[in-house]
Amino acid sequence: MAINKIAKQENIDKEGFRVISNCGENAGQTVKHLHFHILAGEKLEPKML
């Protein structure tokens, strides 16, 4: 619910957005806590899908 609220506040809810959470060292997590990245504004390259 919080992510959807933020997406609406940032006006990215209509065009679409991506939510990422890194878990563990091999995923790039350096601080051991739960957090999310909300990405929007560009289409990903086909390789990234």
N, C-alpha and C. Protein backbone atom coordinates (compact mmCIF):
# COMPACT_ATOMS: atom_id res chain seq x y z
N MET A 1 0.82 -1.19 0.00
CA MET A 1 0.00 0.00 0.00
C MET A 1 0.87 1.26 0.00
N ALA A 2 1.97 1.21 0.76
CA ALA A 2 2.83 2.39 0.83
C ALA A 2 3.48 2.69 -0.52
N ILE A 3 3.91 1.64 -1.23
CA ILE A 3 4.55 1.85 -2.53
C ILE A 3 3.55 2.45 -3.51
N ASN A 4 2.32 1.96 -3.53
CA ASN A 4 1.30 2.53 -4.41
C ASN A 4 1.03 3.99 -4.07
N LYS A 5 1.02 4.32 -2.80
CA LYS A 5 0.81 5.71 -2.37
C LYS A 5 1.94 6.61 -2.86
N ILE A 6 3.17 6.13 -2.73
CA ILE A 6 4.33 6.91 -3.20
C ILE A 6 4.27 7.07 -4.71
N ALA A 7 3.91 6.00 -5.43
CA ALA A 7 3.82 6.08 -6.89
C ALA A 7 2.80 7.14 -7.31
N LYS A 8 1.68 7.20 -6.63
CA LYS A 8 0.68 8.23 -6.94
C LYS A 8 1.20 9.63 -6.63
N GLN A 9 1.88 9.78 -5.49
CA GLN A 9 2.43 11.08 -5.11
C GLN A 9 3.46 11.57 -6.12
N GLU A 10 4.22 10.64 -6.69
CA GLU A 10 5.28 10.99 -7.64
C GLU A 10 4.79 10.99 -9.09
N ASN A 11 3.49 10.77 -9.28
CA ASN A 11 2.86 10.74 -10.61
C ASN A 11 3.49 9.72 -11.55
N ILE A 12 3.83 8.55 -11.00
CA ILE A 12 4.37 7.48 -11.85
C ILE A 12 3.43 6.28 -11.88
N ASP A 13 2.27 6.41 -11.28
CA ASP A 13 1.34 5.28 -11.20
C ASP A 13 0.65 4.97 -12.52
N LYS A 14 0.51 5.95 -13.39
CA LYS A 14 -0.21 5.73 -14.65
C LYS A 14 0.66 5.06 -15.72
N GLU A 15 1.90 5.47 -15.83
CA GLU A 15 2.80 4.96 -16.87
C GLU A 15 3.46 3.65 -16.48
N GLY A 16 3.52 3.36 -15.20
CA GLY A 16 4.14 2.13 -14.74
C GLY A 16 5.46 2.38 -13.99
N PHE A 17 5.76 1.46 -13.12
CA PHE A 17 6.99 1.55 -12.33
C PHE A 17 7.42 0.15 -11.94
N ARG A 18 8.64 0.05 -11.45
CA ARG A 18 9.23 -1.23 -11.07
C ARG A 18 9.70 -1.11 -9.62
N VAL A 19 9.51 -2.17 -8.84
CA VAL A 19 9.93 -2.20 -7.44
C VAL A 19 11.02 -3.27 -7.29
N ILE A 20 12.15 -2.88 -6.71
CA ILE A 20 13.27 -3.80 -6.55
C ILE A 20 13.69 -3.83 -5.08
N SER A 21 14.01 -5.01 -4.61
CA SER A 21 14.59 -5.19 -3.27
C SER A 21 15.79 -6.10 -3.41
N ASN A 22 16.95 -5.65 -2.96
CA ASN A 22 18.16 -6.45 -3.01
C ASN A 22 18.29 -7.25 -1.71
N CYS A 23 18.54 -8.54 -1.85
CA CYS A 23 18.65 -9.42 -0.68
C CYS A 23 19.98 -10.16 -0.72
N GLY A 24 20.88 -9.80 0.15
CA GLY A 24 22.16 -10.49 0.25
C GLY A 24 23.29 -9.80 -0.51
N GLU A 25 24.51 -10.16 -0.15
CA GLU A 25 25.70 -9.54 -0.74
C GLU A 25 25.77 -9.69 -2.25
N ASN A 26 25.46 -10.89 -2.76
CA ASN A 26 25.55 -11.11 -4.20
C ASN A 26 24.54 -10.30 -4.98
N ALA A 27 23.52 -9.80 -4.33
CA ALA A 27 22.52 -8.95 -4.99
C ALA A 27 22.85 -7.47 -4.83
N GLY A 28 23.95 -7.17 -4.15
CA GLY A 28 24.35 -5.78 -3.99
C GLY A 28 23.90 -5.15 -2.68
N GLN A 29 23.31 -5.93 -1.79
CA GLN A 29 22.87 -5.37 -0.51
C GLN A 29 24.09 -5.16 0.38
N THR A 30 24.27 -3.94 0.84
CA THR A 30 25.41 -3.63 1.71
C THR A 30 24.98 -3.33 3.14
N VAL A 31 23.74 -2.92 3.33
CA VAL A 31 23.21 -2.65 4.66
C VAL A 31 22.09 -3.65 4.91
N LYS A 32 22.16 -4.39 6.00
CA LYS A 32 21.20 -5.46 6.28
C LYS A 32 19.89 -4.91 6.85
N HIS A 33 19.05 -4.39 5.98
CA HIS A 33 17.71 -3.96 6.36
C HIS A 33 16.83 -4.02 5.11
N LEU A 34 15.54 -4.10 5.30
CA LEU A 34 14.61 -4.19 4.19
C LEU A 34 14.30 -2.79 3.66
N HIS A 35 14.51 -2.61 2.38
CA HIS A 35 14.11 -1.37 1.73
C HIS A 35 13.81 -1.68 0.27
N PHE A 36 13.11 -0.77 -0.38
CA PHE A 36 12.70 -0.97 -1.75
C PHE A 36 13.14 0.20 -2.61
N HIS A 37 13.45 -0.08 -3.85
CA HIS A 37 13.76 0.95 -4.84
C HIS A 37 12.57 1.00 -5.79
N ILE A 38 12.05 2.20 -6.03
CA ILE A 38 10.95 2.40 -6.97
C ILE A 38 11.54 3.10 -8.19
N LEU A 39 11.53 2.41 -9.33
CA LEU A 39 12.13 2.93 -10.54
C LEU A 39 11.05 3.23 -11.56
N ALA A 40 11.18 4.36 -12.24
CA ALA A 40 10.21 4.74 -13.27
C ALA A 40 10.83 5.76 -14.20
N GLY A 41 10.15 6.01 -15.30
CA GLY A 41 10.56 7.07 -16.20
C GLY A 41 11.24 6.61 -17.46
N GLU A 42 11.70 5.36 -17.51
CA GLU A 42 12.36 4.83 -18.69
C GLU A 42 11.96 3.38 -18.89
N LYS A 43 11.90 2.97 -20.12
CA LYS A 43 11.70 1.56 -20.41
C LYS A 43 13.04 0.86 -20.25
N LEU A 44 13.02 -0.36 -19.79
CA LEU A 44 14.24 -1.14 -19.67
C LEU A 44 14.63 -1.72 -21.02
N GLU A 45 15.90 -1.91 -21.20
CA GLU A 45 16.39 -2.60 -22.39
C GLU A 45 15.85 -4.04 -22.38
N PRO A 46 15.62 -4.63 -23.53
CA PRO A 46 15.10 -6.01 -23.56
C PRO A 46 15.95 -6.98 -22.75
N LYS A 47 17.24 -6.77 -22.71
CA LYS A 47 18.14 -7.64 -21.95
C LYS A 47 17.83 -7.60 -20.45
N MET A 48 17.31 -6.47 -19.97
CA MET A 48 17.03 -6.30 -18.55
C MET A 48 15.68 -6.88 -18.13
N LEU A 49 14.80 -7.17 -19.09
CA LEU A 49 13.49 -7.70 -18.77
C LEU A 49 13.65 -9.13 -18.42
